[in-house]
Amino acid sequence: MIELLHPPDHHFASGGNVYNRSLVEAASLRGVPLASRVVETSEVGLRLHDECTQLRIWDSLFLDALAAHDLTATKDWGLLLHYLPSEDPTRDRAERLRLASMEARVVDAAALVIVTGHSVQARLGERHPHRAVFVCEPGVAAPFLSSRERQAALPRGMIRLLTVANLLPGKGLLELLDMLAGLRDIDWQWHVIGDRVMDPEYTRRFDAAAKRLRLERRIRQHGVLDHAAIAQVMDGMDLFVFPSRFEAYGMALAEAAAKGLPAVTTEVGAAARVYRHGTTALLAAPDDAGRFAAHLQRLLTERALRERFRDNLRLCKPRKWQDTLDDFLTATAALA
């Protein structure tokens, strides 16, 4: 039996929460004994030292709590590291240094480290060159795998853009809003799917900027949707736009690619492997707003290029959650 220990998700649609639920569901479908166990932060110390015959994998949302305890005398346990908080460019230098020290303490103590993206593995390789780190990239849920045959082109006219991201500073939504303001002469409508309550101040700033730029009527906020509803929205979109500054993997990108949506995206996480620049998408460095805006303008105005990218995406094979489970079982077998 393997236990995946994680805090209550409080219905937040974070990538880590989706990953945990999807992995456990994949295990259940195959009859693999992987259990999801909710643990309160106040219980971390007790769970670290109690008697347990199961292999325990701690979710990285417990990094702070784990680092606050004596980890030298604990039984073997694993760490599922969704991302490295110290790599978040929206944090100040002092906070990033504190987080890096905390991450190192926990990673050094864990008997097994699993990450959800190759970029995280590479960064840990620099910090811990003698440490084995296993990669278990996310899969794509069933609703995004349906209807992959060629869809009829959307009617000419308004171009529908989609971004799937919670309203958080690292997602680059305010920057994208400024870019779209410079392209107001093009007939576009921007759909945003994501949580609006995780960072109320950022959401307030976003709404105020949209009103100041007189773009609020061209933006449709969907809030949090489940996979089936997101996939349905994607069916009516022309272009996926992802200006994130920081990702470990980029699950929303993989879902959009599986649905056949051409994209403009930053080169974050696995973006350059999920999408191919010039073949299925146009990519720019996270700090190159000028190039991103130029790519966006090009795909807004070149319908034939969007259709060619869409056709090319039909030839790509999406990764499934059962593939993630295979990688996860290979990783945990190291402690068997």
C-alpha atoms as a PDB file:
ATOM      1  CA  MET A   1       0.000   0.000   0.000  1.00  0.00           C
ATOM      2  CA  ILE A   2       1.171   3.496  -0.901  1.00  0.00           C
ATOM      3  CA  GLU A   3      -0.311   6.562   0.786  1.00  0.00           C
ATOM      4  CA  LEU A   4      -0.266   9.988  -0.835  1.00  0.00           C
ATOM      5  CA  LEU A   5      -0.512  12.517   1.988  1.00  0.00           C
ATOM      6  CA  HIS A   6      -1.841  15.938   1.086  1.00  0.00           C
ATOM      7  CA  PRO A   7      -3.659  18.838   2.766  1.00  0.00           C
ATOM      8  CA  PRO A   8      -7.367  19.554   2.184  1.00  0.00           C
ATOM      9  CA  ASP A   9      -7.744  21.063  -1.267  1.00  0.00           C
ATOM     10  CA  HIS A  10     -10.579  23.439  -0.191  1.00  0.00           C
ATOM     11  CA  HIS A  11     -11.858  23.062  -3.769  1.00  0.00           C
ATOM     12  CA  PHE A  12      -8.972  25.128  -5.189  1.00  0.00           C
ATOM     13  CA  ALA A  13      -8.278  24.041  -8.759  1.00  0.00           C
ATOM     14  CA  SER A  14      -4.496  24.075  -8.435  1.00  0.00           C
ATOM     15  CA  GLY A  15      -2.380  21.908 -10.691  1.00  0.00           C
ATOM     16  CA  GLY A  16      -1.110  19.965  -7.693  1.00  0.00           C
ATOM     17  CA  ASN A  17      -4.611  19.126  -6.482  1.00  0.00           C
ATOM     18  CA  VAL A  18      -5.666  18.008  -9.958  1.00  0.00           C
ATOM     19  CA  TYR A  19      -2.498  15.909 -10.269  1.00  0.00           C
ATOM     20  CA  ASN A  20      -3.093  14.141  -6.946  1.00  0.00           C
ATOM     21  CA  ARG A  21      -6.734  13.339  -7.683  1.00  0.00           C
ATOM     22  CA  SER A  22      -6.011  12.153 -11.219  1.00  0.00           C
ATOM     23  CA  LEU A  23      -3.127   9.919 -10.137  1.00  0.00           C
ATOM     24  CA  VAL A  24      -5.221   8.252  -7.426  1.00  0.00           C
ATOM     25  CA  GLU A  25      -8.105   7.777  -9.874  1.00  0.00           C
ATOM     26  CA  ALA A  26      -5.763   6.155 -12.413  1.00  0.00           C
ATOM     27  CA  ALA A  27      -4.503   3.800  -9.705  1.00  0.00           C
ATOM     28  CA  SER A  28      -8.048   2.890  -8.685  1.00  0.00           C
ATOM     29  CA  LEU A  29      -8.999   2.026 -12.274  1.00  0.00           C
ATOM     30  CA  ARG A  30      -6.070  -0.397 -12.449  1.00  0.00           C
ATOM     31  CA  GLY A  31      -6.489  -1.803  -8.959  1.00  0.00           C
ATOM     32  CA  VAL A  32      -3.191  -0.376  -7.705  1.00  0.00           C
ATOM     33  CA  PRO A  33      -3.188   0.162  -3.901  1.00  0.00           C
ATOM     34  CA  LEU A  34      -2.544   3.919  -3.880  1.00  0.00           C
ATOM     35  CA  ALA A  35      -4.606   5.762  -1.265  1.00  0.00           C
ATOM     36  CA  SER A  36      -5.275   9.464  -0.911  1.00  0.00           C
ATOM     37  CA  ARG A  37      -4.991  10.651   2.698  1.00  0.00           C
ATOM     38  CA  VAL A  38      -5.899  14.150   3.843  1.00  0.00           C
ATOM     39  CA  VAL A  39      -3.628  15.482   6.605  1.00  0.00           C
ATOM     40  CA  GLU A  40      -3.906  18.807   8.395  1.00  0.00           C
ATOM     41  CA  THR A  41      -0.707  20.824   8.679  1.00  0.00           C
ATOM     42  CA  SER A  42      -0.863  20.501  12.469  1.00  0.00           C
ATOM     43  CA  GLU A  43      -0.687  16.706  12.112  1.00  0.00           C
ATOM     44  CA  VAL A  44       2.519  16.542  10.069  1.00  0.00           C
ATOM     45  CA  GLY A  45       4.843  15.927  13.019  1.00  0.00           C
ATOM     46  CA  LEU A  46       2.663  13.140  14.365  1.00  0.00           C
ATOM     47  CA  ARG A  47       2.389  11.409  10.997  1.00  0.00           C
ATOM     48  CA  LEU A  48       6.142  11.652  10.407  1.00  0.00           C
ATOM     49  CA  HIS A  49       6.939   9.642  13.515  1.00  0.00           C
ATOM     50  CA  ASP A  50       3.992   7.274  13.955  1.00  0.00           C
ATOM     51  CA  GLU A  51       4.206   3.589  13.147  1.00  0.00           C
ATOM     52  CA  CYS A  52       3.179   2.873   9.583  1.00  0.00           C
ATOM     53  CA  THR A  53       3.729  -0.080   7.257  1.00  0.00           C
ATOM     54  CA  GLN A  54       2.734   1.809   4.112  1.00  0.00           C
ATOM     55  CA  LEU A  55       5.082   3.757   1.912  1.00  0.00           C
ATOM     56  CA  ARG A  56       4.150   7.387   2.437  1.00  0.00           C
ATOM     57  CA  ILE A  57       4.559  10.072  -0.216  1.00  0.00           C
ATOM     58  CA  TRP A  58       4.216  13.631   1.075  1.00  0.00           C
ATOM     59  CA  ASP A  59       2.765  16.325  -1.166  1.00  0.00           C
ATOM     60  CA  SER A  60       5.073  19.322  -1.602  1.00  0.00           C
ATOM     61  CA  LEU A  61       2.402  21.637  -0.187  1.00  0.00           C
ATOM     62  CA  PHE A  62       3.772  20.388   3.148  1.00  0.00           C
ATOM     63  CA  LEU A  63       7.298  21.693   2.480  1.00  0.00           C
ATOM     64  CA  ASP A  64       7.149  24.360   5.189  1.00  0.00           C
ATOM     65  CA  ALA A  65       5.621  21.994   7.732  1.00  0.00           C
ATOM     66  CA  LEU A  66       8.080  19.192   6.968  1.00  0.00           C
ATOM     67  CA  ALA A  67      11.065  21.519   7.246  1.00  0.00           C
ATOM     68  CA  ALA A  68       9.899  22.655  10.683  1.00  0.00           C
ATOM     69  CA  HIS A  69      10.343  19.144  12.149  1.00  0.00           C
ATOM     70  CA  ASP A  70      13.313  16.951  12.963  1.00  0.00           C
ATOM     71  CA  LEU A  71      13.622  14.774   9.868  1.00  0.00           C
ATOM     72  CA  THR A  72      16.730  12.831  10.911  1.00  0.00           C
ATOM     73  CA  ALA A  73      14.974  10.017  12.771  1.00  0.00           C
ATOM     74  CA  THR A  74      11.984   9.424  10.485  1.00  0.00           C
ATOM     75  CA  LYS A  75      11.242   6.252   8.543  1.00  0.00           C
ATOM     76  CA  ASP A  76      11.734   6.223   4.792  1.00  0.00           C
ATOM     77  CA  TRP A  77       9.251   8.483   3.070  1.00  0.00           C
ATOM     78  CA  GLY A  78       8.918  10.079  -0.336  1.00  0.00           C
ATOM     79  CA  LEU A  79       8.290  13.611  -1.568  1.00  0.00           C
ATOM     80  CA  LEU A  80       6.054  14.494  -4.523  1.00  0.00           C
ATOM     81  CA  LEU A  81       7.403  17.860  -5.618  1.00  0.00           C
ATOM     82  CA  HIS A  82       4.961  19.635  -7.922  1.00  0.00           C
ATOM     83  CA  TYR A  83       7.187  22.698  -8.302  1.00  0.00           C
ATOM     84  CA  LEU A  84       9.951  24.635  -6.583  1.00  0.00           C
ATOM     85  CA  PRO A  85       8.506  27.719  -4.848  1.00  0.00           C
ATOM     86  CA  SER A  86      11.999  29.274  -4.787  1.00  0.00           C
ATOM     87  CA  GLU A  87      11.943  29.449  -8.608  1.00  0.00           C
ATOM     88  CA  ASP A  88       8.863  31.683  -8.674  1.00  0.00           C
ATOM     89  CA  PRO A  89      10.053  34.960 -10.259  1.00  0.00           C
ATOM     90  CA  THR A  90       7.264  36.963  -8.596  1.00  0.00           C
ATOM     91  CA  ARG A  91       8.853  36.465  -5.142  1.00  0.00           C
ATOM     92  CA  ASP A  92      11.584  38.752  -3.821  1.00  0.00           C
ATOM     93  CA  ARG A  93      15.184  37.554  -3.495  1.00  0.00           C
ATOM     94  CA  ALA A  94      15.159  37.115   0.290  1.00  0.00           C
ATOM     95  CA  GLU A  95      12.050  34.970   0.175  1.00  0.00           C
ATOM     96  CA  ARG A  96      13.430  32.860  -2.661  1.00  0.00           C
ATOM     97  CA  LEU A  97      16.627  32.214  -0.697  1.00  0.00           C
ATOM     98  CA  ARG A  98      14.601  31.186   2.357  1.00  0.00           C
ATOM     99  CA  LEU A  99      12.493  28.852   0.255  1.00  0.00           C
ATOM    100  CA  ALA A 100      15.544  27.311  -1.421  1.00  0.00           C
ATOM    101  CA  SER A 101      17.043  26.514   1.994  1.00  0.00           C
ATOM    102  CA  MET A 102      13.766  24.975   3.141  1.00  0.00           C
ATOM    103  CA  GLU A 103      13.470  22.908  -0.055  1.00  0.00           C
ATOM    104  CA  ALA A 104      17.024  21.607   0.328  1.00  0.00           C
ATOM    105  CA  ARG A 105      16.347  20.499   3.918  1.00  0.00           C
ATOM    106  CA  VAL A 106      13.313  18.447   2.895  1.00  0.00           C
ATOM    107  CA  VAL A 107      14.801  17.036  -0.311  1.00  0.00           C
ATOM    108  CA  ASP A 108      17.921  15.896   1.546  1.00  0.00           C
ATOM    109  CA  ALA A 109      15.823  14.088   4.166  1.00  0.00           C
ATOM    110  CA  ALA A 110      13.446  12.308   1.778  1.00  0.00           C
ATOM    111  CA  ALA A 111      14.270   8.744   0.764  1.00  0.00           C
ATOM    112  CA  LEU A 112      12.534   9.268  -2.582  1.00  0.00           C
ATOM    113  CA  VAL A 113      11.970  12.421  -4.640  1.00  0.00           C
ATOM    114  CA  ILE A 114       9.406  12.509  -7.434  1.00  0.00           C
ATOM    115  CA  VAL A 115       8.864  15.638  -9.542  1.00  0.00           C
ATOM    116  CA  THR A 116       6.188  16.451 -12.081  1.00  0.00           C
ATOM    117  CA  GLY A 117       8.373  18.099 -14.712  1.00  0.00           C
ATOM    118  CA  HIS A 118      11.807  17.767 -16.315  1.00  0.00           C
ATOM    119  CA  SER A 119      12.588  21.423 -15.583  1.00  0.00           C
ATOM    120  CA  VAL A 120      12.265  20.728 -11.842  1.00  0.00           C
ATOM    121  CA  GLN A 121      14.430  17.627 -12.204  1.00  0.00           C
ATOM    122  CA  ALA A 122      17.119  19.673 -13.957  1.00  0.00           C
ATOM    123  CA  ARG A 123      17.089  22.346 -11.257  1.00  0.00           C
ATOM    124  CA  LEU A 124      17.351  19.769  -8.483  1.00  0.00           C
ATOM    125  CA  GLY A 125      20.177  18.122 -10.412  1.00  0.00           C
ATOM    126  CA  GLU A 126      22.118  21.377 -10.157  1.00  0.00           C
ATOM    127  CA  ARG A 127      21.451  21.680  -6.429  1.00  0.00           C
ATOM    128  CA  HIS A 128      21.770  17.980  -5.518  1.00  0.00           C
ATOM    129  CA  PRO A 129      24.025  16.454  -8.197  1.00  0.00           C
ATOM    130  CA  HIS A 130      24.251  13.052  -6.484  1.00  0.00           C
ATOM    131  CA  ARG A 131      20.552  12.713  -5.786  1.00  0.00           C
ATOM    132  CA  ALA A 132      18.293  10.502  -7.945  1.00  0.00           C
ATOM    133  CA  VAL A 133      15.123  12.349  -8.902  1.00  0.00           C
ATOM    134  CA  PHE A 134      12.250  10.614 -10.709  1.00  0.00           C
ATOM    135  CA  VAL A 135      10.014  12.437 -13.192  1.00  0.00           C
ATOM    136  CA  CYS A 136       6.299  11.625 -13.377  1.00  0.00           C
ATOM    137  CA  GLU A 137       4.762  14.121 -15.780  1.00  0.00           C
ATOM    138  CA  PRO A 138       0.984  14.689 -15.684  1.00  0.00           C
ATOM    139  CA  GLY A 139      -1.395  13.082 -18.117  1.00  0.00           C
ATOM    140  CA  VAL A 140      -4.441  14.387 -19.936  1.00  0.00           C
ATOM    141  CA  ALA A 141      -7.938  13.578 -18.677  1.00  0.00           C
ATOM    142  CA  ALA A 142     -10.440  11.708 -20.835  1.00  0.00           C
ATOM    143  CA  PRO A 143     -12.582  14.743 -21.841  1.00  0.00           C
ATOM    144  CA  PHE A 144      -9.578  16.248 -23.639  1.00  0.00           C
ATOM    145  CA  LEU A 145      -8.934  13.042 -25.571  1.00  0.00           C
ATOM    146  CA  SER A 146     -12.354  12.943 -27.216  1.00  0.00           C
ATOM    147  CA  SER A 147     -13.239  14.336 -30.641  1.00  0.00           C
ATOM    148  CA  ARG A 148      -9.660  14.467 -31.907  1.00  0.00           C
ATOM    149  CA  GLU A 149     -10.825  13.982 -35.479  1.00  0.00           C
ATOM    150  CA  ARG A 150     -10.744  17.007 -37.751  1.00  0.00           C
ATOM    151  CA  GLN A 151     -13.342  19.539 -36.653  1.00  0.00           C
ATOM    152  CA  ALA A 152     -14.954  21.927 -39.059  1.00  0.00           C
ATOM    153  CA  ALA A 153     -13.285  25.323 -39.085  1.00  0.00           C
ATOM    154  CA  LEU A 154     -15.004  27.886 -36.912  1.00  0.00           C
ATOM    155  CA  PRO A 155     -16.960  30.557 -38.772  1.00  0.00           C
ATOM    156  CA  ARG A 156     -15.026  33.593 -39.908  1.00  0.00           C
ATOM    157  CA  GLY A 157     -15.380  36.668 -37.763  1.00  0.00           C
ATOM    158  CA  MET A 158     -14.617  37.036 -34.078  1.00  0.00           C
ATOM    159  CA  ILE A 159     -11.480  35.172 -32.944  1.00  0.00           C
ATOM    160  CA  ARG A 160     -11.985  33.405 -29.640  1.00  0.00           C
ATOM    161  CA  LEU A 161      -8.963  33.233 -27.346  1.00  0.00           C
ATOM    162  CA  LEU A 162      -8.731  30.995 -24.300  1.00  0.00           C
ATOM    163  CA  THR A 163      -6.496  31.036 -21.232  1.00  0.00           C
ATOM    164  CA  VAL A 164      -6.813  28.438 -18.465  1.00  0.00           C
ATOM    165  CA  ALA A 165      -5.032  29.791 -15.387  1.00  0.00           C
ATOM    166  CA  ASN A 166      -5.906  30.885 -11.889  1.00  0.00           C
ATOM    167  CA  LEU A 167      -5.697  34.644 -11.406  1.00  0.00           C
ATOM    168  CA  LEU A 168      -2.247  34.807  -9.828  1.00  0.00           C
ATOM    169  CA  PRO A 169       0.710  37.147 -10.521  1.00  0.00           C
ATOM    170  CA  GLY A 170       2.896  34.422 -12.039  1.00  0.00           C
ATOM    171  CA  LYS A 171       0.367  33.622 -14.764  1.00  0.00           C
ATOM    172  CA  GLY A 172       1.030  36.834 -16.711  1.00  0.00           C
ATOM    173  CA  LEU A 173      -2.616  37.795 -17.194  1.00  0.00           C
ATOM    174  CA  LEU A 174      -2.158  41.517 -16.542  1.00  0.00           C
ATOM    175  CA  GLU A 175       0.672  41.596 -19.065  1.00  0.00           C
ATOM    176  CA  LEU A 176      -1.514  39.816 -21.625  1.00  0.00           C
ATOM    177  CA  LEU A 177      -4.287  42.312 -20.975  1.00  0.00           C
ATOM    178  CA  ASP A 178      -1.927  45.146 -21.960  1.00  0.00           C
ATOM    179  CA  MET A 179      -0.960  43.260 -25.140  1.00  0.00           C
ATOM    180  CA  LEU A 180      -4.586  42.764 -26.106  1.00  0.00           C
ATOM    181  CA  ALA A 181      -5.262  46.453 -25.528  1.00  0.00           C
ATOM    182  CA  GLY A 182      -2.742  47.137 -28.297  1.00  0.00           C
ATOM    183  CA  LEU A 183      -4.642  44.759 -30.584  1.00  0.00           C
ATOM    184  CA  ARG A 184      -8.106  46.141 -29.975  1.00  0.00           C
ATOM    185  CA  ASP A 185      -8.630  46.788 -33.697  1.00  0.00           C
ATOM    186  CA  ILE A 186      -8.763  43.017 -34.245  1.00  0.00           C
ATOM    187  CA  ASP A 187     -12.123  41.377 -33.525  1.00  0.00           C
ATOM    188  CA  TRP A 188     -11.256  39.102 -30.588  1.00  0.00           C
ATOM    189  CA  GLN A 189     -12.933  37.809 -27.448  1.00  0.00           C
ATOM    190  CA  TRP A 190     -10.844  36.514 -24.541  1.00  0.00           C
ATOM    191  CA  HIS A 191     -12.168  33.659 -22.391  1.00  0.00           C
ATOM    192  CA  VAL A 192     -10.463  33.039 -19.028  1.00  0.00           C
ATOM    193  CA  ILE A 193     -11.029  29.872 -16.988  1.00  0.00           C
ATOM    194  CA  GLY A 194      -9.559  29.910 -13.500  1.00  0.00           C
ATOM    195  CA  ASP A 195      -9.964  30.622  -9.817  1.00  0.00           C
ATOM    196  CA  ARG A 196     -10.691  34.272  -8.948  1.00  0.00           C
ATOM    197  CA  VAL A 197     -10.511  34.006  -5.127  1.00  0.00           C
ATOM    198  CA  MET A 198      -7.030  32.591  -4.431  1.00  0.00           C
ATOM    199  CA  ASP A 199      -5.508  36.082  -4.722  1.00  0.00           C
ATOM    200  CA  PRO A 200      -8.308  38.660  -4.288  1.00  0.00           C
ATOM    201  CA  GLU A 201      -5.962  41.634  -4.647  1.00  0.00           C
ATOM    202  CA  TYR A 202      -4.609  40.404  -7.989  1.00  0.00           C
ATOM    203  CA  THR A 203      -8.146  39.727  -9.208  1.00  0.00           C
ATOM    204  CA  ARG A 204      -9.148  43.260  -8.192  1.00  0.00           C
ATOM    205  CA  ARG A 205      -6.198  44.693 -10.118  1.00  0.00           C
ATOM    206  CA  PHE A 206      -7.062  42.613 -13.172  1.00  0.00           C
ATOM    207  CA  ASP A 207     -10.703  43.719 -13.184  1.00  0.00           C
ATOM    208  CA  ALA A 208      -9.717  47.363 -12.640  1.00  0.00           C
ATOM    209  CA  ALA A 209      -7.220  47.231 -15.516  1.00  0.00           C
ATOM    210  CA  ALA A 210      -9.789  45.667 -17.845  1.00  0.00           C
ATOM    211  CA  LYS A 211     -12.227  48.456 -16.994  1.00  0.00           C
ATOM    212  CA  ARG A 212      -9.582  51.181 -17.364  1.00  0.00           C
ATOM    213  CA  LEU A 213      -8.626  49.800 -20.791  1.00  0.00           C
ATOM    214  CA  ARG A 214     -12.315  49.491 -21.723  1.00  0.00           C
ATOM    215  CA  LEU A 215     -11.920  45.811 -22.500  1.00  0.00           C
ATOM    216  CA  GLU A 216     -14.224  44.300 -19.865  1.00  0.00           C
ATOM    217  CA  ARG A 217     -16.952  43.573 -22.440  1.00  0.00           C
ATOM    218  CA  ARG A 218     -14.481  41.601 -24.570  1.00  0.00           C
ATOM    219  CA  ILE A 219     -13.435  39.338 -21.674  1.00  0.00           C
ATOM    220  CA  ARG A 220     -15.525  36.440 -20.440  1.00  0.00           C
ATOM    221  CA  GLN A 221     -14.608  35.095 -17.014  1.00  0.00           C
ATOM    222  CA  HIS A 222     -15.749  31.493 -16.511  1.00  0.00           C
ATOM    223  CA  GLY A 223     -14.316  30.921 -13.042  1.00  0.00           C
ATOM    224  CA  VAL A 224     -13.420  27.349 -12.055  1.00  0.00           C
ATOM    225  CA  LEU A 225     -14.746  24.606 -14.349  1.00  0.00           C
ATOM    226  CA  ASP A 226     -14.352  20.844 -14.282  1.00  0.00           C
ATOM    227  CA  HIS A 227     -12.515  18.949 -17.018  1.00  0.00           C
ATOM    228  CA  ALA A 228     -15.620  18.193 -19.044  1.00  0.00           C
ATOM    229  CA  ALA A 229     -16.701  21.840 -19.064  1.00  0.00           C
ATOM    230  CA  ILE A 230     -13.197  23.094 -19.951  1.00  0.00           C
ATOM    231  CA  ALA A 231     -13.007  20.632 -22.840  1.00  0.00           C
ATOM    232  CA  GLN A 232     -16.378  21.820 -24.086  1.00  0.00           C
ATOM    233  CA  VAL A 233     -15.250  25.456 -24.017  1.00  0.00           C
ATOM    234  CA  MET A 234     -12.078  24.500 -25.897  1.00  0.00           C
ATOM    235  CA  ASP A 235     -14.163  23.070 -28.732  1.00  0.00           C
ATOM    236  CA  GLY A 236     -15.341  26.583 -29.564  1.00  0.00           C
ATOM    237  CA  MET A 237     -11.963  28.336 -29.348  1.00  0.00           C
ATOM    238  CA  ASP A 238      -9.596  29.465 -32.104  1.00  0.00           C
ATOM    239  CA  LEU A 239      -6.394  29.966 -30.102  1.00  0.00           C
ATOM    240  CA  PHE A 240      -4.936  29.069 -26.700  1.00  0.00           C
ATOM    241  CA  VAL A 241      -2.942  31.884 -25.089  1.00  0.00           C
ATOM    242  CA  PHE A 242      -0.653  31.082 -22.161  1.00  0.00           C
ATOM    243  CA  PRO A 243       1.582  33.946 -20.915  1.00  0.00           C
ATOM    244  CA  SER A 244       2.703  32.223 -17.692  1.00  0.00           C
ATOM    245  CA  ARG A 245       6.095  33.220 -16.295  1.00  0.00           C
ATOM    246  CA  PHE A 246       6.695  30.033 -14.336  1.00  0.00           C
ATOM    247  CA  GLU A 247       5.496  26.410 -14.612  1.00  0.00           C
ATOM    248  CA  ALA A 248       6.869  23.038 -13.555  1.00  0.00           C
ATOM    249  CA  TYR A 249       5.006  21.366 -16.405  1.00  0.00           C
ATOM    250  CA  GLY A 250       1.937  23.211 -17.691  1.00  0.00           C
ATOM    251  CA  MET A 251      -1.067  20.900 -17.503  1.00  0.00           C
ATOM    252  CA  ALA A 252      -3.365  23.399 -19.198  1.00  0.00           C
ATOM    253  CA  LEU A 253      -1.022  23.484 -22.198  1.00  0.00           C
ATOM    254  CA  ALA A 254      -1.090  19.702 -22.511  1.00  0.00           C
ATOM    255  CA  GLU A 255      -4.879  19.707 -22.362  1.00  0.00           C
ATOM    256  CA  ALA A 256      -5.168  22.403 -25.010  1.00  0.00           C
ATOM    257  CA  ALA A 257      -2.736  20.553 -27.290  1.00  0.00           C
ATOM    258  CA  ALA A 258      -4.711  17.327 -26.846  1.00  0.00           C
ATOM    259  CA  LYS A 259      -7.820  19.219 -27.908  1.00  0.00           C
ATOM    260  CA  GLY A 260      -6.029  20.473 -31.018  1.00  0.00           C
ATOM    261  CA  LEU A 261      -5.834  24.139 -30.087  1.00  0.00           C
ATOM    262  CA  PRO A 262      -2.965  26.105 -31.659  1.00  0.00           C
ATOM    263  CA  ALA A 263      -1.218  28.248 -29.083  1.00  0.00           C
ATOM    264  CA  VAL A 264       0.856  31.268 -28.240  1.00  0.00           C
ATOM    265  CA  THR A 265       2.808  30.394 -25.097  1.00  0.00           C
ATOM    266  CA  THR A 266       5.873  31.199 -23.092  1.00  0.00           C
ATOM    267  CA  GLU A 267       8.696  28.649 -22.925  1.00  0.00           C
ATOM    268  CA  VAL A 268       7.842  27.419 -19.439  1.00  0.00           C
ATOM    269  CA  GLY A 269       7.768  23.894 -18.057  1.00  0.00           C
ATOM    270  CA  ALA A 270       7.176  21.375 -20.837  1.00  0.00           C
ATOM    271  CA  ALA A 271       5.786  23.927 -23.304  1.00  0.00           C
ATOM    272  CA  ALA A 272       8.514  23.319 -25.897  1.00  0.00           C
ATOM    273  CA  ARG A 273       7.768  19.562 -25.872  1.00  0.00           C
ATOM    274  CA  VAL A 274       3.982  19.731 -25.674  1.00  0.00           C
ATOM    275  CA  TYR A 275       3.989  22.281 -28.512  1.00  0.00           C
ATOM    276  CA  ARG A 276       6.548  22.711 -31.290  1.00  0.00           C
ATOM    277  CA  HIS A 277       7.463  26.257 -32.249  1.00  0.00           C
ATOM    278  CA  GLY A 278       6.500  27.000 -35.837  1.00  0.00           C
ATOM    279  CA  THR A 279       4.643  23.692 -36.221  1.00  0.00           C
ATOM    280  CA  THR A 280       1.836  23.694 -33.659  1.00  0.00           C
ATOM    281  CA  ALA A 281       2.417  26.953 -31.774  1.00  0.00           C
ATOM    282  CA  LEU A 282       4.519  30.090 -31.467  1.00  0.00           C
ATOM    283  CA  LEU A 283       6.676  30.299 -28.339  1.00  0.00           C
ATOM    284  CA  ALA A 284       8.510  33.153 -26.632  1.00  0.00           C
ATOM    285  CA  ALA A 285      10.781  33.425 -23.605  1.00  0.00           C
ATOM    286  CA  PRO A 286       8.883  34.310 -20.386  1.00  0.00           C
ATOM    287  CA  ASP A 287      10.645  37.682 -20.168  1.00  0.00           C
ATOM    288  CA  ASP A 288      10.190  38.634 -23.845  1.00  0.00           C
ATOM    289  CA  ALA A 289       6.845  40.399 -23.914  1.00  0.00           C
ATOM    290  CA  GLY A 290       7.597  41.998 -27.273  1.00  0.00           C
ATOM    291  CA  ARG A 291       8.058  38.656 -29.023  1.00  0.00           C
ATOM    292  CA  PHE A 292       5.013  37.187 -27.308  1.00  0.00           C
ATOM    293  CA  ALA A 293       2.884  40.136 -28.481  1.00  0.00           C
ATOM    294  CA  ALA A 294       4.211  39.764 -32.030  1.00  0.00           C
ATOM    295  CA  HIS A 295       3.377  36.042 -32.018  1.00  0.00           C
ATOM    296  CA  LEU A 296      -0.087  36.814 -30.710  1.00  0.00           C
ATOM    297  CA  GLN A 297      -0.737  39.386 -33.419  1.00  0.00           C
ATOM    298  CA  ARG A 298       0.446  36.977 -36.105  1.00  0.00           C
ATOM    299  CA  LEU A 299      -1.833  34.134 -35.027  1.00  0.00           C
ATOM    300  CA  LEU A 300      -4.744  36.509 -34.572  1.00  0.00           C
ATOM    301  CA  THR A 301      -4.401  37.708 -38.153  1.00  0.00           C
ATOM    302  CA  GLU A 302      -3.272  34.548 -39.980  1.00  0.00           C
ATOM    303  CA  ARG A 303      -6.192  32.139 -40.052  1.00  0.00           C
ATOM    304  CA  ALA A 304      -4.385  29.717 -42.410  1.00  0.00           C
ATOM    305  CA  LEU A 305      -1.495  29.402 -39.945  1.00  0.00           C
ATOM    306  CA  ARG A 306      -3.901  28.593 -37.105  1.00  0.00           C
ATOM    307  CA  GLU A 307      -5.540  25.904 -39.223  1.00  0.00           C
ATOM    308  CA  ARG A 308      -2.181  24.400 -40.196  1.00  0.00           C
ATOM    309  CA  PHE A 309      -1.144  24.232 -36.554  1.00  0.00           C
ATOM    310  CA  ARG A 310      -4.494  22.604 -35.698  1.00  0.00           C
ATOM    311  CA  ASP A 311      -3.982  19.962 -38.385  1.00  0.00           C
ATOM    312  CA  ASN A 312      -0.477  19.215 -37.128  1.00  0.00           C
ATOM    313  CA  LEU A 313      -1.754  18.754 -33.572  1.00  0.00           C
ATOM    314  CA  ARG A 314      -3.983  15.922 -34.747  1.00  0.00           C
ATOM    315  CA  LEU A 315      -0.833  13.886 -35.400  1.00  0.00           C
ATOM    316  CA  CYS A 316       0.457  14.272 -31.829  1.00  0.00           C
ATOM    317  CA  LYS A 317      -0.113  11.573 -29.217  1.00  0.00           C
ATOM    318  CA  PRO A 318      -1.238  12.997 -25.850  1.00  0.00           C
ATOM    319  CA  ARG A 319       0.129  11.585 -22.607  1.00  0.00           C
ATOM    320  CA  LYS A 320      -2.456   9.798 -20.432  1.00  0.00           C
ATOM    321  CA  TRP A 321      -2.740   9.480 -16.656  1.00  0.00           C
ATOM    322  CA  GLN A 322      -2.065   5.756 -16.926  1.00  0.00           C
ATOM    323  CA  ASP A 323       1.357   6.730 -18.338  1.00  0.00           C
ATOM    324  CA  THR A 324       1.881   8.892 -15.244  1.00  0.00           C
ATOM    325  CA  LEU A 325       0.931   5.979 -13.020  1.00  0.00           C
ATOM    326  CA  ASP A 326       3.456   3.735 -14.785  1.00  0.00           C
ATOM    327  CA  ASP A 327       6.220   6.252 -14.067  1.00  0.00           C
ATOM    328  CA  PHE A 328       5.035   6.672 -10.472  1.00  0.00           C
ATOM    329  CA  LEU A 329       5.146   2.923  -9.822  1.00  0.00           C
ATOM    330  CA  THR A 330       8.631   2.714 -11.309  1.00  0.00           C
ATOM    331  CA  ALA A 331       9.755   5.481  -8.949  1.00  0.00           C
ATOM    332  CA  THR A 332       8.195   4.012  -5.818  1.00  0.00           C
ATOM    333  CA  ALA A 333       9.616   0.580  -6.637  1.00  0.00           C
ATOM    334  CA  ALA A 334      13.008   2.049  -5.749  1.00  0.00           C
ATOM    335  CA  LEU A 335      11.943   1.891  -2.076  1.00  0.00           C
ATOM    336  CA  ALA A 336      10.181  -1.471  -2.269  1.00  0.00           C
END
